[in-house]
């Protein structure tokens, strides 16, 4: 696991805070950990989608 040594502050609506708290509790993890997981998943999913599109484009070009 990466060393956590930077602080970041965000503002959430009351609804977002409730959703975050409930989901973190349901998973048995901290709210901070849930935010870190969500951030990683968002970045990884978009990166993977871009890679797949690039491979598809290359395949079409080379066919």
Protein backbone atom coordinates (compact mmCIF):
# COMPACT_ATOMS: atom_id res chain seq x y z
CA UNK A 1 0.00 0.00 0.00
CA UNK A 2 1.24 3.46 -0.88
CA UNK A 3 2.38 5.80 1.87
CA UNK A 4 -0.34 8.30 2.68
CA UNK A 5 1.32 11.62 3.45
CA UNK A 6 -0.65 14.35 1.67
CA UNK A 7 -3.80 16.04 2.91
CA UNK A 8 -6.58 17.10 0.56
CA UNK A 9 -9.74 18.93 1.53
CA UNK A 10 -13.05 18.78 -0.37
CA UNK A 11 -16.51 20.10 0.28
CA UNK A 12 -19.45 17.69 0.11
CA UNK A 13 -23.16 18.27 0.20
CA UNK A 14 -25.06 16.83 3.14
CA UNK A 15 -26.43 14.11 0.86
CA UNK A 16 -22.93 13.19 -0.33
CA UNK A 17 -21.69 13.05 3.26
CA UNK A 18 -24.50 10.71 4.25
CA UNK A 19 -23.91 8.46 1.23
CA UNK A 20 -20.17 8.37 1.94
CA UNK A 21 -20.64 7.57 5.61
CA UNK A 22 -23.22 4.86 4.96
CA UNK A 23 -21.18 3.16 2.23
CA UNK A 24 -17.96 3.30 4.25
CA UNK A 25 -19.77 1.80 7.23
CA UNK A 26 -21.32 -0.90 5.05
CA UNK A 27 -17.87 -1.85 3.72
CA UNK A 28 -16.18 -1.58 7.10
CA UNK A 29 -13.62 0.98 5.91
CA UNK A 30 -12.95 4.63 6.64
CA UNK A 31 -14.52 7.38 4.58
CA UNK A 32 -11.05 8.45 3.45
CA UNK A 33 -10.26 4.93 2.23
CA UNK A 34 -13.54 4.82 0.31
CA UNK A 35 -12.71 8.12 -1.40
CA UNK A 36 -9.22 6.83 -2.28
CA UNK A 37 -10.72 3.62 -3.72
CA UNK A 38 -13.29 5.57 -5.73
CA UNK A 39 -10.59 7.85 -7.12
CA UNK A 40 -8.38 4.92 -8.12
CA UNK A 41 -11.30 3.07 -9.71
CA UNK A 42 -12.36 6.13 -11.70
CA UNK A 43 -8.86 6.72 -13.04
CA UNK A 44 -8.16 3.05 -13.76
CA UNK A 45 -11.49 2.53 -15.55
CA UNK A 46 -11.01 5.57 -17.79
CA UNK A 47 -7.40 4.63 -18.52
CA UNK A 48 -8.45 1.07 -19.40
CA UNK A 49 -11.22 2.35 -21.68
CA UNK A 50 -8.75 4.64 -23.49
CA UNK A 51 -6.32 1.72 -23.91
CA UNK A 52 -9.04 -0.51 -25.35
CA UNK A 53 -10.12 2.19 -27.80
CA UNK A 54 -6.51 2.75 -28.89
CA UNK A 55 -6.00 -0.99 -29.46
CA UNK A 56 -9.26 -1.18 -31.40
CA UNK A 57 -8.22 1.77 -33.56
CA UNK A 58 -4.80 0.24 -34.24
CA UNK A 59 -6.40 -3.09 -35.10
CA UNK A 60 -8.72 -1.39 -37.57
CA UNK A 61 -5.84 0.57 -39.13
CA UNK A 62 -3.66 -2.55 -39.48
CA UNK A 63 -6.45 -4.73 -40.88
